C-alpha atoms as a PDB file:
ATOM      1  CA  MET A   1     -58.925  30.811  58.196  1.00  0.00           C
ATOM      2  CA  PRO A   2     -62.088  29.573  56.688  1.00  0.00           C
ATOM      3  CA  LEU A   3     -62.434  26.367  54.965  1.00  0.00           C
ATOM      4  CA  ASP A   4     -62.181  26.149  51.215  1.00  0.00           C
ATOM      5  CA  PRO A   5     -65.405  24.375  50.013  1.00  0.00           C
ATOM      6  CA  THR A   6     -64.185  24.088  46.351  1.00  0.00           C
ATOM      7  CA  GLY A   7     -60.797  22.673  47.209  1.00  0.00           C
ATOM      8  CA  LEU A   8     -62.258  20.154  49.922  1.00  0.00           C
ATOM      9  CA  MET A   9     -65.063  18.997  47.822  1.00  0.00           C
ATOM     10  CA  ALA A  10     -63.042  18.254  45.007  1.00  0.00           C
ATOM     11  CA  LEU A  11     -60.210  16.530  47.079  1.00  0.00           C
ATOM     12  CA  SER A  12     -59.736  13.031  45.849  1.00  0.00           C
ATOM     13  CA  ILE A  13     -58.614  10.808  48.930  1.00  0.00           C
ATOM     14  CA  PRO A  14     -56.827   7.625  47.805  1.00  0.00           C
ATOM     15  CA  ALA A  15     -58.055   4.061  48.981  1.00  0.00           C
ATOM     16  CA  ARG A  16     -55.799   2.657  51.517  1.00  0.00           C
ATOM     17  CA  LYS A  17     -54.887  -1.008  52.414  1.00  0.00           C
ATOM     18  CA  LEU A  18     -54.375  -1.343  56.025  1.00  0.00           C
ATOM     19  CA  ALA A  19     -53.080  -4.575  57.703  1.00  0.00           C
ATOM     20  CA  TYR A  20     -53.292  -4.903  61.371  1.00  0.00           C
ATOM     21  CA  ALA A  21     -52.369  -7.637  63.654  1.00  0.00           C
ATOM     22  CA  ASP A  22     -54.093  -9.318  66.966  1.00  0.00           C
ATOM     23  CA  ARG A  23     -52.071  -6.859  69.073  1.00  0.00           C
ATOM     24  CA  ASP A  24     -53.857  -3.907  67.588  1.00  0.00           C
ATOM     25  CA  SER A  25     -57.178  -5.342  68.456  1.00  0.00           C
ATOM     26  CA  LEU A  26     -56.180  -6.180  71.875  1.00  0.00           C
ATOM     27  CA  LEU A  27     -54.573  -2.689  72.402  1.00  0.00           C
ATOM     28  CA  TYR A  28     -57.734  -0.999  71.189  1.00  0.00           C
ATOM     29  CA  ALA A  29     -59.655  -3.127  73.622  1.00  0.00           C
ATOM     30  CA  LEU A  30     -57.613  -2.254  76.523  1.00  0.00           C
ATOM     31  CA  ALA A  31     -57.290   1.350  75.758  1.00  0.00           C
ATOM     32  CA  ALA A  32     -61.193   1.410  75.769  1.00  0.00           C
ATOM     33  CA  GLY A  33     -61.278  -0.026  79.293  1.00  0.00           C
ATOM     34  CA  MET A  34     -61.963  -3.846  78.320  1.00  0.00           C
ATOM     35  CA  GLY A  35     -60.609  -6.223  81.227  1.00  0.00           C
ATOM     36  CA  ALA A  36     -61.527  -3.771  83.916  1.00  0.00           C
ATOM     37  CA  GLY A  37     -64.861  -5.072  84.229  1.00  0.00           C
ATOM     38  CA  ASP A  38     -66.274  -8.649  84.615  1.00  0.00           C
ATOM     39  CA  ALA A  39     -62.675 -10.417  83.605  1.00  0.00           C
ATOM     40  CA  ALA A  40     -64.164 -13.645  82.589  1.00  0.00           C
ATOM     41  CA  ALA A  41     -66.537 -11.996  80.213  1.00  0.00           C
ATOM     42  CA  GLU A  42     -64.106  -9.662  78.889  1.00  0.00           C
ATOM     43  CA  LEU A  43     -61.019 -11.785  78.559  1.00  0.00           C
ATOM     44  CA  ALA A  44     -61.912 -12.609  74.901  1.00  0.00           C
ATOM     45  CA  PHE A  45     -61.425  -8.840  74.090  1.00  0.00           C
ATOM     46  CA  VAL A  46     -58.038  -8.572  75.587  1.00  0.00           C
ATOM     47  CA  TRP A  47     -56.540 -12.073  75.122  1.00  0.00           C
ATOM     48  CA  GLU A  48     -55.843 -14.064  72.017  1.00  0.00           C
ATOM     49  CA  GLY A  49     -55.921 -17.587  73.681  1.00  0.00           C
ATOM     50  CA  GLY A  50     -59.263 -18.238  72.772  1.00  0.00           C
ATOM     51  CA  PRO A  51     -61.736 -17.154  69.894  1.00  0.00           C
ATOM     52  CA  GLN A  52     -60.837 -13.263  69.891  1.00  0.00           C
ATOM     53  CA  ARG A  53     -63.569 -10.826  69.773  1.00  0.00           C
ATOM     54  CA  VAL A  54     -63.068  -7.400  68.450  1.00  0.00           C
ATOM     55  CA  LEU A  55     -64.848  -4.257  69.958  1.00  0.00           C
ATOM     56  CA  PRO A  56     -66.844  -2.968  67.177  1.00  0.00           C
ATOM     57  CA  SER A  57     -65.855   0.718  67.376  1.00  0.00           C
ATOM     58  CA  MET A  58     -62.295  -0.252  66.310  1.00  0.00           C
ATOM     59  CA  ALA A  59     -63.652   0.298  62.956  1.00  0.00           C
ATOM     60  CA  THR A  60     -62.764   4.031  63.772  1.00  0.00           C
ATOM     61  CA  MET A  61     -59.086   3.173  64.308  1.00  0.00           C
ATOM     62  CA  LEU A  62     -59.167   1.394  60.806  1.00  0.00           C
ATOM     63  CA  ALA A  63     -60.797   4.289  59.250  1.00  0.00           C
ATOM     64  CA  PHE A  64     -58.762   6.952  60.626  1.00  0.00           C
ATOM     65  CA  ASP A  65     -56.791   9.005  58.071  1.00  0.00           C
ATOM     66  CA  ASP A  66     -55.675  12.478  58.570  1.00  0.00           C
ATOM     67  CA  SER A  67     -53.607  12.541  55.498  1.00  0.00           C
ATOM     68  CA  TRP A  68     -55.887  14.961  53.543  1.00  0.00           C
ATOM     69  CA  LEU A  69     -55.950  17.683  56.172  1.00  0.00           C
ATOM     70  CA  GLU A  70     -52.811  19.240  54.768  1.00  0.00           C
ATOM     71  CA  PRO A  71     -53.872  19.190  51.034  1.00  0.00           C
ATOM     72  CA  GLY A  72     -57.252  20.347  52.480  1.00  0.00           C
ATOM     73  CA  LYS A  73     -55.305  23.381  54.164  1.00  0.00           C
ATOM     74  CA  ILE A  74     -56.471  22.339  57.637  1.00  0.00           C
ATOM     75  CA  ALA A  75     -53.981  22.453  60.579  1.00  0.00           C
ATOM     76  CA  LEU A  76     -54.031  19.283  62.718  1.00  0.00           C
ATOM     77  CA  SER A  77     -53.955  21.599  65.740  1.00  0.00           C
ATOM     78  CA  ARG A  78     -57.271  23.214  64.860  1.00  0.00           C
ATOM     79  CA  ALA A  79     -59.125  19.963  64.317  1.00  0.00           C
ATOM     80  CA  VAL A  80     -61.239  18.007  66.910  1.00  0.00           C
ATOM     81  CA  HIS A  81     -63.778  15.045  66.383  1.00  0.00           C
ATOM     82  CA  GLY A  82     -67.363  16.503  66.368  1.00  0.00           C
ATOM     83  CA  ALA A  83     -69.320  13.097  66.115  1.00  0.00           C
ATOM     84  CA  LEU A  84     -69.011   9.621  64.923  1.00  0.00           C
ATOM     85  CA  ASP A  85     -71.714   7.269  63.255  1.00  0.00           C
ATOM     86  CA  LEU A  86     -70.676   3.770  62.796  1.00  0.00           C
ATOM     87  CA  ARG A  87     -72.850   1.005  60.894  1.00  0.00           C
ATOM     88  CA  PHE A  88     -71.719  -2.851  61.220  1.00  0.00           C
ATOM     89  CA  PHE A  89     -72.259  -5.314  58.583  1.00  0.00           C
ATOM     90  CA  HIS A  90     -69.833  -8.132  59.433  1.00  0.00           C
ATOM     91  CA  PRO A  91     -67.741  -8.615  62.482  1.00  0.00           C
ATOM     92  CA  LEU A  92     -64.203  -7.352  62.043  1.00  0.00           C
ATOM     93  CA  ALA A  93     -61.513  -9.906  62.222  1.00  0.00           C
ATOM     94  CA  PRO A  94     -59.064  -9.854  65.216  1.00  0.00           C
ATOM     95  CA  ALA A  95     -56.176  -9.397  62.561  1.00  0.00           C
ATOM     96  CA  GLY A  96     -56.122  -8.953  58.779  1.00  0.00           C
ATOM     97  CA  GLU A  97     -56.448  -6.482  56.355  1.00  0.00           C
ATOM     98  CA  VAL A  98     -59.066  -3.771  55.355  1.00  0.00           C
ATOM     99  CA  VAL A  99     -59.365  -1.684  52.351  1.00  0.00           C
ATOM    100  CA  ALA A 100     -60.573   1.801  53.582  1.00  0.00           C
ATOM    101  CA  GLU A 101     -62.415   4.086  50.900  1.00  0.00           C
ATOM    102  CA  THR A 102     -62.973   7.746  52.157  1.00  0.00           C
ATOM    103  CA  ALA A 103     -64.753  10.692  50.706  1.00  0.00           C
ATOM    104  CA  ILE A 104     -65.606  14.108  51.999  1.00  0.00           C
ATOM    105  CA  ILE A 105     -69.228  14.331  51.684  1.00  0.00           C
ATOM    106  CA  GLY A 106     -70.267  17.712  53.031  1.00  0.00           C
ATOM    107  CA  LEU A 107     -69.387  20.750  54.910  1.00  0.00           C
ATOM    108  CA  ASP A 108     -71.162  23.062  57.563  1.00  0.00           C
ATOM    109  CA  ASP A 109     -70.580  26.599  58.522  1.00  0.00           C
ATOM    110  CA  LYS A 110     -71.010  27.831  62.043  1.00  0.00           C
ATOM    111  CA  GLY A 111     -70.379  31.288  61.160  1.00  0.00           C
ATOM    112  CA  PRO A 112     -67.612  33.780  60.741  1.00  0.00           C
ATOM    113  CA  GLY A 113     -64.795  33.477  63.422  1.00  0.00           C
ATOM    114  CA  ARG A 114     -66.512  30.162  64.660  1.00  0.00           C
ATOM    115  CA  GLY A 115     -65.946  26.684  63.557  1.00  0.00           C
ATOM    116  CA  GLY A 116     -66.329  24.698  60.269  1.00  0.00           C
ATOM    117  CA  LEU A 117     -67.626  20.961  60.057  1.00  0.00           C
ATOM    118  CA  VAL A 118     -66.125  18.643  57.734  1.00  0.00           C
ATOM    119  CA  PHE A 119     -68.177  15.339  57.237  1.00  0.00           C
ATOM    120  CA  THR A 120     -66.423  12.279  55.783  1.00  0.00           C
ATOM    121  CA  GLU A 121     -67.619   8.785  55.133  1.00  0.00           C
ATOM    122  CA  THR A 122     -65.339   5.863  55.060  1.00  0.00           C
ATOM    123  CA  ALA A 123     -66.312   2.271  53.732  1.00  0.00           C
ATOM    124  CA  LEU A 124     -64.246  -0.612  55.413  1.00  0.00           C
ATOM    125  CA  HIS A 125     -63.958  -3.645  53.150  1.00  0.00           C
ATOM    126  CA  GLN A 126     -62.778  -6.980  54.481  1.00  0.00           C
ATOM    127  CA  HIS A 127     -62.820 -10.402  52.747  1.00  0.00           C
ATOM    128  CA  GLY A 128     -64.306  -9.070  49.856  1.00  0.00           C
ATOM    129  CA  ALA A 129     -67.427  -7.668  51.709  1.00  0.00           C
ATOM    130  CA  MET A 130     -68.449  -4.353  53.472  1.00  0.00           C
ATOM    131  CA  ALA A 131     -67.509  -4.695  57.124  1.00  0.00           C
ATOM    132  CA  ALA A 132     -68.512  -1.442  58.299  1.00  0.00           C
ATOM    133  CA  SER A 133     -68.936   2.567  57.330  1.00  0.00           C
ATOM    134  CA  VAL A 134     -67.795   5.230  59.549  1.00  0.00           C
ATOM    135  CA  VAL A 135     -69.420   8.702  59.092  1.00  0.00           C
ATOM    136  CA  SER A 136     -67.052  11.129  61.021  1.00  0.00           C
ATOM    137  CA  THR A 137     -67.844  14.961  61.775  1.00  0.00           C
ATOM    138  CA  MET A 138     -64.480  16.934  62.327  1.00  0.00           C
ATOM    139  CA  PHE A 139     -64.935  20.427  63.914  1.00  0.00           C
ATOM    140  CA  VAL A 140     -62.246  22.931  62.763  1.00  0.00           C
ATOM    141  CA  ARG A 141     -61.857  25.840  65.127  1.00  0.00           C
ATOM    142  CA  GLY A 142     -62.095  29.149  63.537  1.00  0.00           C
ATOM    143  CA  ALA A 143     -62.979  27.906  60.089  1.00  0.00           C
ATOM    144  CA  GLY A 144     -66.355  28.968  59.639  1.00  0.00           C
ATOM    145  CA  GLY A 145     -67.394  31.926  57.386  1.00  0.00           C
ATOM    146  CA  PHE A 146     -67.008  30.263  54.202  1.00  0.00           C
ATOM    147  CA  GLY A 147     -70.694  30.498  53.134  1.00  0.00           C
ATOM    148  CA  GLY A 148     -71.920  26.724  53.631  1.00  0.00           C
ATOM    149  CA  PRO A 149     -73.394  24.190  54.060  1.00  0.00           C
ATOM    150  CA  VAL A 150     -72.241  22.188  51.025  1.00  0.00           C
ATOM    151  CA  GLY A 151     -72.964  18.659  50.160  1.00  0.00           C
ATOM    152  CA  ARG A 152     -74.582  16.025  52.663  1.00  0.00           C
ATOM    153  CA  GLY A 153     -74.647  16.866  56.321  1.00  0.00           C
ATOM    154  CA  VAL A 154     -75.087  14.537  59.362  1.00  0.00           C
ATOM    155  CA  THR A 155     -78.222  14.600  61.642  1.00  0.00           C
ATOM    156  CA  VAL A 156     -78.500  13.220  65.180  1.00  0.00           C
ATOM    157  CA  ALA A 157     -81.493  11.974  67.167  1.00  0.00           C
ATOM    158  CA  PRO A 158     -82.846  13.802  70.303  1.00  0.00           C
ATOM    159  CA  LEU A 159     -82.518  12.059  73.666  1.00  0.00           C
ATOM    160  CA  PRO A 160     -85.653  11.046  75.575  1.00  0.00           C
ATOM    161  CA  GLU A 161     -86.957  13.737  77.685  1.00  0.00           C
ATOM    162  CA  ALA A 162     -87.902  11.056  80.393  1.00  0.00           C
ATOM    163  CA  ALA A 163     -85.470  10.065  83.364  1.00  0.00           C
ATOM    164  CA  PRO A 164     -83.161   7.376  82.119  1.00  0.00           C
ATOM    165  CA  ASP A 165     -83.686   3.645  82.501  1.00  0.00           C
ATOM    166  CA  THR A 166     -80.272   3.075  83.744  1.00  0.00           C
ATOM    167  CA  GLU A 167     -76.959   4.800  84.834  1.00  0.00           C
ATOM    168  CA  SER A 168     -73.547   3.867  85.368  1.00  0.00           C
ATOM    169  CA  SER A 169     -70.115   5.495  86.250  1.00  0.00           C
ATOM    170  CA  LEU A 170     -66.714   4.643  84.737  1.00  0.00           C
ATOM    171  CA  PRO A 171     -63.427   6.137  85.781  1.00  0.00           C
ATOM    172  CA  THR A 172     -60.892   6.834  83.155  1.00  0.00           C
ATOM    173  CA  ALA A 173     -57.110   6.642  83.546  1.00  0.00           C
ATOM    174  CA  ALA A 174     -54.844   9.645  83.771  1.00  0.00           C
ATOM    175  CA  ASN A 175     -52.606   7.985  81.018  1.00  0.00           C
ATOM    176  CA  GLN A 176     -55.358   6.764  78.911  1.00  0.00           C
ATOM    177  CA  ALA A 177     -54.781   9.241  76.036  1.00  0.00           C
ATOM    178  CA  LEU A 178     -51.135   8.055  75.881  1.00  0.00           C
ATOM    179  CA  PHE A 179     -52.061   4.444  75.282  1.00  0.00           C
ATOM    180  CA  PHE A 180     -54.867   5.379  72.671  1.00  0.00           C
ATOM    181  CA  ARG A 181     -52.512   7.671  70.560  1.00  0.00           C
ATOM    182  CA  LEU A 182     -50.444   4.608  69.837  1.00  0.00           C
ATOM    183  CA  LEU A 183     -53.427   3.377  67.758  1.00  0.00           C
ATOM    184  CA  GLY A 184     -52.635   6.028  65.102  1.00  0.00           C
ATOM    185  CA  ASP A 185     -54.033   9.501  66.323  1.00  0.00           C
ATOM    186  CA  ARG A 186     -50.890  11.253  67.063  1.00  0.00           C
ATOM    187  CA  ASN A 187     -52.678  14.685  67.384  1.00  0.00           C
ATOM    188  CA  PRO A 188     -50.460  16.564  69.935  1.00  0.00           C
ATOM    189  CA  LEU A 189     -53.513  18.165  71.606  1.00  0.00           C
ATOM    190  CA  HIS A 190     -53.842  14.706  73.480  1.00  0.00           C
ATOM    191  CA  VAL A 191     -50.287  14.808  74.841  1.00  0.00           C
ATOM    192  CA  ASP A 192     -48.712  18.295  74.774  1.00  0.00           C
ATOM    193  CA  PRO A 193     -49.633  20.633  77.656  1.00  0.00           C
ATOM    194  CA  VAL A 194     -48.383  23.702  75.883  1.00  0.00           C
ATOM    195  CA  LEU A 195     -50.374  23.099  72.939  1.00  0.00           C
ATOM    196  CA  ALA A 196     -53.606  22.256  75.028  1.00  0.00           C
ATOM    197  CA  ARG A 197     -53.255  25.650  76.677  1.00  0.00           C
ATOM    198  CA  GLN A 198     -52.643  27.510  73.623  1.00  0.00           C
ATOM    199  CA  VAL A 199     -55.890  26.291  72.095  1.00  0.00           C
ATOM    200  CA  GLY A 200     -58.081  26.865  75.177  1.00  0.00           C
ATOM    201  CA  PHE A 201     -57.735  23.586  77.328  1.00  0.00           C
ATOM    202  CA  ASP A 202     -56.489  23.280  80.967  1.00  0.00           C
ATOM    203  CA  ARG A 203     -54.503  20.313  79.946  1.00  0.00           C
ATOM    204  CA  PRO A 204     -54.203  17.569  77.123  1.00  0.00           C
ATOM    205  CA  ILE A 205     -57.783  15.911  76.403  1.00  0.00           C
ATOM    206  CA  LEU A 206     -58.616  12.568  75.721  1.00  0.00           C
ATOM    207  CA  HIS A 207     -59.296  11.641  72.172  1.00  0.00           C
ATOM    208  CA  GLY A 208     -62.930  11.733  71.372  1.00  0.00           C
ATOM    209  CA  ALA A 209     -62.643   8.551  69.750  1.00  0.00           C
ATOM    210  CA  CYS A 210     -61.470   7.008  72.832  1.00  0.00           C
ATOM    211  CA  THR A 211     -64.378   8.246  74.855  1.00  0.00           C
ATOM    212  CA  PHE A 212     -66.460   6.938  71.906  1.00  0.00           C
ATOM    213  CA  ALA A 213     -64.777   3.365  72.497  1.00  0.00           C
ATOM    214  CA  ILE A 214     -65.228   3.377  76.273  1.00  0.00           C
ATOM    215  CA  ALA A 215     -68.937   3.943  75.679  1.00  0.00           C
ATOM    216  CA  CYS A 216     -69.183   1.215  73.076  1.00  0.00           C
ATOM    217  CA  ALA A 217     -67.523  -1.140  75.635  1.00  0.00           C
ATOM    218  CA  GLU A 218     -69.958  -0.096  78.396  1.00  0.00           C
ATOM    219  CA  VAL A 219     -73.098  -0.803  75.977  1.00  0.00           C
ATOM    220  CA  LEU A 220     -71.612  -4.128  75.226  1.00  0.00           C
ATOM    221  CA  ARG A 221     -71.381  -4.860  78.763  1.00  0.00           C
ATOM    222  CA  ARG A 222     -74.804  -3.728  79.962  1.00  0.00           C
ATOM    223  CA  PHE A 223     -77.072  -4.508  77.030  1.00  0.00           C
ATOM    224  CA  CYS A 224     -75.455  -6.958  74.733  1.00  0.00           C
ATOM    225  CA  GLY A 225     -74.029  -9.647  76.898  1.00  0.00           C
ATOM    226  CA  HIS A 226     -70.434  -8.849  75.609  1.00  0.00           C
ATOM    227  CA  ASP A 227     -71.625  -9.894  72.226  1.00  0.00           C
ATOM    228  CA  PRO A 228     -70.432  -7.665  69.649  1.00  0.00           C
ATOM    229  CA  THR A 229     -72.467  -9.219  66.820  1.00  0.00           C
ATOM    230  CA  ARG A 230     -75.338  -7.697  68.594  1.00  0.00           C
ATOM    231  CA  LEU A 231     -74.545  -4.069  67.428  1.00  0.00           C
ATOM    232  CA  THR A 232     -75.823  -2.938  64.076  1.00  0.00           C
ATOM    233  CA  ARG A 233     -75.014   0.816  64.661  1.00  0.00           C
ATOM    234  CA  PHE A 234     -73.197   2.928  67.181  1.00  0.00           C
ATOM    235  CA  ALA A 235     -73.248   6.781  67.128  1.00  0.00           C
ATOM    236  CA  ALA A 236     -72.609   9.870  69.345  1.00  0.00           C
ATOM    237  CA  ARG A 237     -72.009  13.572  69.125  1.00  0.00           C
ATOM    238  CA  PHE A 238     -69.010  15.169  71.138  1.00  0.00           C
ATOM    239  CA  ALA A 239     -70.507  17.656  73.109  1.00  0.00           C
ATOM    240  CA  GLY A 240     -67.200  18.588  75.003  1.00  0.00           C
ATOM    241  CA  PRO A 241     -63.740  17.580  76.099  1.00  0.00           C
ATOM    242  CA  LEU A 242     -63.029  14.893  78.801  1.00  0.00           C
ATOM    243  CA  TYR A 243     -59.635  15.071  80.696  1.00  0.00           C
ATOM    244  CA  PRO A 244     -57.827  11.778  81.121  1.00  0.00           C
ATOM    245  CA  GLY A 245     -58.525  10.727  84.868  1.00  0.00           C
ATOM    246  CA  GLU A 246     -61.935  12.083  85.033  1.00  0.00           C
ATOM    247  CA  THR A 247     -65.102   9.819  85.624  1.00  0.00           C
ATOM    248  CA  LEU A 248     -67.756   9.409  82.929  1.00  0.00           C
ATOM    249  CA  ASP A 249     -71.278   9.196  84.213  1.00  0.00           C
ATOM    250  CA  PHE A 250     -73.658   7.512  81.599  1.00  0.00           C
ATOM    251  CA  ALA A 251     -77.376   7.627  81.293  1.00  0.00           C
ATOM    252  CA  PHE A 252     -79.221   5.275  79.063  1.00  0.00           C
ATOM    253  CA  TRP A 253     -82.731   5.025  77.679  1.00  0.00           C
ATOM    254  CA  ARG A 254     -84.483   1.908  75.836  1.00  0.00           C
ATOM    255  CA  VAL A 255     -85.701   3.322  72.781  1.00  0.00           C
ATOM    256  CA  ALA A 256     -87.163   1.755  69.562  1.00  0.00           C
ATOM    257  CA  GLY A 257     -84.294  -0.156  67.701  1.00  0.00           C
ATOM    258  CA  GLY A 258     -81.893  -0.165  70.675  1.00  0.00           C
ATOM    259  CA  ILE A 259     -80.375   2.239  73.319  1.00  0.00           C
ATOM    260  CA  ALA A 260     -80.077   6.048  73.419  1.00  0.00           C
ATOM    261  CA  PHE A 261     -77.431   7.315  75.846  1.00  0.00           C
ATOM    262  CA  ARG A 262     -75.299  10.269  77.016  1.00  0.00           C
ATOM    263  CA  ALA A 263     -72.137  10.826  79.007  1.00  0.00           C
ATOM    264  CA  LEU A 264     -70.937  13.576  81.432  1.00  0.00           C
ATOM    265  CA  ALA A 265     -67.598  14.315  83.170  1.00  0.00           C
ATOM    266  CA  ALA A 266     -68.791  13.634  86.635  1.00  0.00           C
ATOM    267  CA  GLU A 267     -66.294  16.095  88.201  1.00  0.00           C
ATOM    268  CA  ARG A 268     -67.591  19.080  86.162  1.00  0.00           C
ATOM    269  CA  SER A 269     -71.112  17.955  85.542  1.00  0.00           C
ATOM    270  CA  ALA A 270     -70.001  18.723  81.810  1.00  0.00           C
ATOM    271  CA  PRO A 271     -71.649  17.180  78.867  1.00  0.00           C
ATOM    272  CA  VAL A 272     -69.040  14.934  77.026  1.00  0.00           C
ATOM    273  CA  LEU A 273     -70.943  12.632  74.615  1.00  0.00           C
ATOM    274  CA  ASP A 274     -74.659  13.530  73.367  1.00  0.00           C
ATOM    275  CA  ASN A 275     -77.320  12.141  71.067  1.00  0.00           C
ATOM    276  CA  GLY A 276     -75.884   8.856  71.567  1.00  0.00           C
ATOM    277  CA  PHE A 277     -77.530   5.657  69.961  1.00  0.00           C
ATOM    278  CA  ALA A 278     -76.867   2.053  69.796  1.00  0.00           C
ATOM    279  CA  GLY A 279     -78.780   0.072  67.340  1.00  0.00           C
ATOM    280  CA  MET A 280     -79.234  -3.730  68.225  1.00  0.00           C
ATOM    281  CA  ALA A 281     -80.300  -6.847  66.472  1.00  0.00           C
ATOM    282  CA  GLY A 282     -82.310  -9.530  68.365  1.00  0.00           C
END
């Protein structure tokens, strides 16, 4: 069923107040693999005993809202993440409250019988100031053919053609999606084997937002000295599924303003993240 451009672009999404505890920040960091690297350097992300640090990509968890899918006539089982683009203005507190203001900013049409894209933008406010913005691309299977594009789209930067400057490999856990879903995204695609096969996957796939978080943690390790205030932007396109338990092979390039990156599922040599960019200050 094609997307309904008129209905979606007119859809008003109420602002939300979301309270979260330090436990949520700790669980997010653990679900992203923090604590598995340099234990001393990563302790601040997974233990509240000292000045606690927050993995910046946790903004995606606080911005997550699928309440508009039903009024937008989009079935949750047909929707997967297409891309994320985060910009950071102030570090998130380990615990507190945010006000999230979300709007649908555009649609794109991949053609009849193919996918449709929905672009949303969420502003996260904390302590009276904008902490982060989250631009999300949602791919809706079989929802093309509505005659787009409509509104504002999202562009991604190409990766350098040269050999990468640095590479790394990270294993994921077989139960990683089961942890990550406890942060709010309960899409059964990530846990139900029957549904996963019905929509064309061998088994449940890892949340794109979890793969994104793993990449953010790896960039902090390798290029930011574990300092989250160094990141000003973090973006990537989801190029394909990652199955829990597979290994992520990362390639990194030093470019103007930060780091470009991509990630493959090593066991299948299959693209998972593409057009990645981490903007850095200092």
